[in-house]
């Protein structure tokens, strides 16, 4: 997917995570590419989220915690970003 507004990207990413196939990855990058969030679906209800930029952390979460964590990470990693790039890969 090409560039999209950062403020609406979190809603798209959350909905795409629910539809994501096992093993696929969604990557959200800043304009410069120096900050990104990668969401990998491990199985039906578990995800691994890798954050690189302000914090360099990996989270293992369930689908219940997905929405709140993604919104929190968007606020931390992309506070002044107007556009982000969203890619879905295997």
N, C-alpha and C. Protein backbone atom coordinates (compact mmCIF):
# COMPACT_ATOMS: atom_id res chain seq x y z
N UNK A 1 0.84 -1.18 0.00
CA UNK A 1 0.00 0.00 0.00
C UNK A 1 0.89 1.24 0.00
N UNK A 2 0.47 2.26 -0.65
CA UNK A 2 1.29 3.47 -0.70
C UNK A 2 1.17 4.28 0.59
N UNK A 3 1.58 5.53 0.49
CA UNK A 3 1.51 6.44 1.63
C UNK A 3 0.06 6.68 2.01
N UNK A 4 -0.15 6.86 3.30
CA UNK A 4 -1.50 7.18 3.77
C UNK A 4 -1.39 8.06 5.01
N UNK A 5 -2.47 8.79 5.34
CA UNK A 5 -2.44 9.66 6.52
C UNK A 5 -2.19 8.84 7.79
N UNK A 6 -1.31 9.34 8.63
CA UNK A 6 -0.94 8.62 9.84
C UNK A 6 -2.10 8.48 10.81
N UNK A 7 -2.98 9.46 10.86
CA UNK A 7 -4.08 9.43 11.82
C UNK A 7 -5.15 8.40 11.47
N UNK A 8 -5.25 8.01 10.21
CA UNK A 8 -6.23 6.98 9.85
C UNK A 8 -5.57 5.62 9.62
N UNK A 9 -4.25 5.58 9.63
CA UNK A 9 -3.54 4.33 9.36
C UNK A 9 -3.72 3.32 10.48
N UNK A 10 -3.86 3.79 11.72
CA UNK A 10 -4.01 2.83 12.82
C UNK A 10 -5.29 2.01 12.69
N UNK A 11 -6.36 2.63 12.24
CA UNK A 11 -7.62 1.89 12.04
C UNK A 11 -7.47 0.84 10.94
N UNK A 12 -6.79 1.21 9.86
CA UNK A 12 -6.56 0.27 8.76
C UNK A 12 -5.67 -0.89 9.21
N UNK A 13 -4.63 -0.58 9.95
CA UNK A 13 -3.69 -1.62 10.40
C UNK A 13 -4.40 -2.60 11.33
N UNK A 14 -5.22 -2.10 12.23
CA UNK A 14 -5.95 -2.97 13.15
C UNK A 14 -6.88 -3.90 12.38
N UNK A 15 -7.61 -3.36 11.42
CA UNK A 15 -8.53 -4.21 10.65
C UNK A 15 -7.77 -5.21 9.78
N UNK A 16 -6.62 -4.81 9.22
CA UNK A 16 -5.82 -5.73 8.41
C UNK A 16 -5.19 -6.83 9.27
N UNK A 17 -4.87 -6.52 10.51
CA UNK A 17 -4.30 -7.54 11.41
C UNK A 17 -5.29 -8.65 11.67
N UNK A 18 -6.56 -8.31 11.80
CA UNK A 18 -7.58 -9.33 12.05
C UNK A 18 -7.75 -10.26 10.84
N UNK A 19 -7.50 -9.75 9.63
CA UNK A 19 -7.64 -10.53 8.41
C UNK A 19 -6.34 -11.22 7.99
N UNK A 20 -5.26 -10.89 8.67
CA UNK A 20 -3.93 -11.36 8.28
C UNK A 20 -3.83 -12.88 8.40
N UNK A 21 -3.14 -13.49 7.44
CA UNK A 21 -2.90 -14.93 7.48
C UNK A 21 -1.70 -15.21 8.38
N UNK A 22 -1.66 -16.41 8.93
CA UNK A 22 -0.57 -16.82 9.81
C UNK A 22 0.77 -16.70 9.09
N UNK A 23 1.74 -16.06 9.75
CA UNK A 23 3.06 -15.90 9.17
C UNK A 23 3.26 -14.63 8.37
N UNK A 24 2.20 -13.94 8.00
CA UNK A 24 2.31 -12.69 7.23
C UNK A 24 2.68 -11.54 8.16
N UNK A 25 3.24 -10.47 7.57
CA UNK A 25 3.73 -9.33 8.33
C UNK A 25 3.17 -8.04 7.77
N UNK A 26 2.74 -7.16 8.65
CA UNK A 26 2.37 -5.79 8.28
C UNK A 26 3.46 -4.88 8.83
N UNK A 27 4.01 -4.03 7.96
CA UNK A 27 5.06 -3.10 8.39
C UNK A 27 4.59 -1.68 8.12
N UNK A 28 4.68 -0.84 9.14
CA UNK A 28 4.31 0.57 9.05
C UNK A 28 5.59 1.37 9.26
N UNK A 29 5.93 2.22 8.29
CA UNK A 29 7.19 2.98 8.33
C UNK A 29 6.92 4.47 8.30
N UNK A 30 7.83 5.22 8.92
CA UNK A 30 7.79 6.67 8.82
C UNK A 30 8.29 7.09 7.44
N UNK A 31 8.19 8.37 7.14
CA UNK A 31 8.60 8.88 5.83
C UNK A 31 10.09 8.61 5.58
N UNK A 32 10.93 8.88 6.57
CA UNK A 32 12.36 8.68 6.41
C UNK A 32 12.76 7.21 6.50
N UNK A 33 11.90 6.38 7.03
CA UNK A 33 12.19 4.96 7.14
C UNK A 33 13.02 4.61 8.35
N UNK A 34 13.29 5.58 9.22
CA UNK A 34 14.11 5.31 10.39
C UNK A 34 13.30 4.78 11.57
N UNK A 35 11.99 4.85 11.50
CA UNK A 35 11.11 4.32 12.54
C UNK A 35 10.09 3.41 11.89
N UNK A 36 9.86 2.25 12.50
CA UNK A 36 8.85 1.35 11.95
C UNK A 36 8.29 0.44 13.02
N UNK A 37 7.12 -0.11 12.71
CA UNK A 37 6.44 -1.10 13.54
C UNK A 37 6.12 -2.28 12.64
N UNK A 38 6.46 -3.49 13.09
CA UNK A 38 6.18 -4.70 12.32
C UNK A 38 5.27 -5.60 13.14
N UNK A 39 4.17 -6.03 12.55
CA UNK A 39 3.21 -6.89 13.23
C UNK A 39 3.16 -8.22 12.49
N UNK A 40 3.51 -9.30 13.19
CA UNK A 40 3.54 -10.65 12.61
C UNK A 40 2.49 -11.49 13.32
N UNK A 41 1.65 -12.16 12.53
CA UNK A 41 0.63 -13.04 13.11
C UNK A 41 1.25 -14.41 13.35
N UNK A 42 1.29 -14.83 14.61
CA UNK A 42 1.90 -16.10 14.98
C UNK A 42 0.91 -17.25 14.84
N UNK A 43 -0.29 -17.06 15.35
CA UNK A 43 -1.37 -18.04 15.18
C UNK A 43 -2.70 -17.30 15.27
N UNK A 44 -3.77 -18.01 15.51
CA UNK A 44 -5.11 -17.41 15.42
C UNK A 44 -5.29 -16.17 16.31
N UNK A 45 -4.75 -16.19 17.53
CA UNK A 45 -4.98 -15.09 18.47
C UNK A 45 -3.71 -14.43 18.98
N UNK A 46 -2.55 -14.79 18.48
CA UNK A 46 -1.30 -14.26 19.00
C UNK A 46 -0.52 -13.52 17.92
N UNK A 47 0.07 -12.40 18.35
CA UNK A 47 0.83 -11.55 17.45
C UNK A 47 2.17 -11.21 18.09
N UNK A 48 3.16 -10.97 17.23
CA UNK A 48 4.45 -10.45 17.67
C UNK A 48 4.61 -9.07 17.04
N UNK A 49 4.82 -8.07 17.87
CA UNK A 49 4.99 -6.70 17.37
C UNK A 49 6.41 -6.25 17.68
N UNK A 50 7.13 -5.85 16.64
CA UNK A 50 8.49 -5.34 16.78
C UNK A 50 8.46 -3.84 16.53
N UNK A 51 8.99 -3.10 17.47
CA UNK A 51 9.03 -1.63 17.38
C UNK A 51 10.48 -1.21 17.25
N UNK A 52 10.79 -0.40 16.23
CA UNK A 52 12.14 0.11 16.05
C UNK A 52 12.06 1.61 15.80
N UNK A 53 12.78 2.36 16.56
CA UNK A 53 12.78 3.81 16.43
C UNK A 53 13.05 4.43 17.77
N UNK A 54 12.03 5.04 18.36
CA UNK A 54 12.18 5.65 19.68
C UNK A 54 12.50 4.58 20.71
N UNK A 55 11.75 3.49 20.67
CA UNK A 55 12.02 2.31 21.49
C UNK A 55 12.34 1.16 20.55
N UNK A 56 13.19 0.26 21.00
CA UNK A 56 13.49 -0.96 20.24
C UNK A 56 13.04 -2.14 21.09
N UNK A 57 11.80 -2.56 20.87
CA UNK A 57 11.17 -3.55 21.73
C UNK A 57 10.39 -4.55 20.90
N UNK A 58 10.23 -5.75 21.44
CA UNK A 58 9.37 -6.77 20.83
C UNK A 58 8.31 -7.17 21.84
N UNK A 59 7.06 -7.19 21.39
CA UNK A 59 5.92 -7.56 22.24
C UNK A 59 5.28 -8.82 21.69
N UNK A 60 4.88 -9.72 22.58
CA UNK A 60 4.06 -10.87 22.21
C UNK A 60 2.72 -10.68 22.90
N UNK A 61 1.67 -10.47 22.09
CA UNK A 61 0.37 -10.12 22.65
C UNK A 61 -0.73 -10.97 22.03
N UNK A 62 -1.92 -10.89 22.64
CA UNK A 62 -3.10 -11.56 22.11
C UNK A 62 -3.93 -10.55 21.33
N UNK A 63 -4.93 -11.03 20.64
CA UNK A 63 -5.77 -10.15 19.82
C UNK A 63 -6.57 -9.17 20.68
N UNK A 64 -6.81 -9.49 21.96
CA UNK A 64 -7.54 -8.57 22.83
C UNK A 64 -6.74 -7.30 23.12
N UNK A 65 -5.41 -7.43 23.21
CA UNK A 65 -4.54 -6.29 23.53
C UNK A 65 -4.04 -5.57 22.29
N UNK A 66 -4.33 -6.09 21.11
CA UNK A 66 -3.77 -5.57 19.87
C UNK A 66 -4.15 -4.12 19.61
N UNK A 67 -5.42 -3.80 19.72
CA UNK A 67 -5.91 -2.46 19.39
C UNK A 67 -5.26 -1.39 20.26
N UNK A 68 -5.24 -1.60 21.56
CA UNK A 68 -4.69 -0.58 22.46
C UNK A 68 -3.18 -0.42 22.28
N UNK A 69 -2.47 -1.53 22.05
CA UNK A 69 -1.02 -1.43 21.88
C UNK A 69 -0.66 -0.74 20.57
N UNK A 70 -1.37 -1.04 19.50
CA UNK A 70 -1.07 -0.40 18.21
C UNK A 70 -1.29 1.11 18.31
N UNK A 71 -2.37 1.53 18.93
CA UNK A 71 -2.62 2.98 19.08
C UNK A 71 -1.53 3.63 19.92
N UNK A 72 -1.11 2.96 20.99
CA UNK A 72 -0.05 3.49 21.84
C UNK A 72 1.26 3.61 21.06
N UNK A 73 1.60 2.57 20.28
CA UNK A 73 2.84 2.60 19.50
C UNK A 73 2.81 3.66 18.41
N UNK A 74 1.65 3.87 17.78
CA UNK A 74 1.54 4.92 16.77
C UNK A 74 1.81 6.28 17.40
N UNK A 75 1.30 6.51 18.60
CA UNK A 75 1.53 7.79 19.27
C UNK A 75 3.00 7.98 19.64
N UNK A 76 3.67 6.89 20.01
CA UNK A 76 5.08 6.97 20.39
C UNK A 76 5.99 7.11 19.17
N UNK A 77 5.79 6.27 18.17
CA UNK A 77 6.71 6.22 17.02
C UNK A 77 6.43 7.28 15.96
N UNK A 78 5.20 7.69 15.79
CA UNK A 78 4.85 8.63 14.73
C UNK A 78 4.11 9.85 15.29
N UNK A 79 4.70 10.57 16.26
CA UNK A 79 3.96 11.67 16.90
C UNK A 79 3.73 12.88 15.98
N UNK A 80 4.67 13.16 15.09
CA UNK A 80 4.55 14.33 14.21
C UNK A 80 4.45 13.94 12.74
N UNK A 81 4.27 12.66 12.47
CA UNK A 81 4.20 12.20 11.09
C UNK A 81 2.83 12.48 10.50
N UNK A 82 2.82 12.96 9.27
CA UNK A 82 1.57 13.17 8.55
C UNK A 82 1.27 12.00 7.64
N UNK A 83 2.30 11.35 7.14
CA UNK A 83 2.15 10.24 6.21
C UNK A 83 2.98 9.05 6.71
N UNK A 84 2.43 7.85 6.57
CA UNK A 84 3.18 6.63 6.85
C UNK A 84 2.99 5.66 5.69
N UNK A 85 3.91 4.73 5.55
CA UNK A 85 3.83 3.71 4.51
C UNK A 85 3.43 2.40 5.17
N UNK A 86 2.45 1.71 4.60
CA UNK A 86 1.98 0.43 5.12
C UNK A 86 2.25 -0.65 4.07
N UNK A 87 2.99 -1.70 4.46
CA UNK A 87 3.31 -2.82 3.56
C UNK A 87 2.86 -4.12 4.21
N UNK A 88 2.31 -5.01 3.41
CA UNK A 88 1.97 -6.35 3.88
C UNK A 88 2.84 -7.33 3.11
N UNK A 89 3.64 -8.13 3.85
CA UNK A 89 4.56 -9.07 3.22
C UNK A 89 4.45 -10.43 3.89
N UNK A 90 5.17 -11.39 3.34
CA UNK A 90 5.17 -12.73 3.93
C UNK A 90 6.46 -12.99 4.67
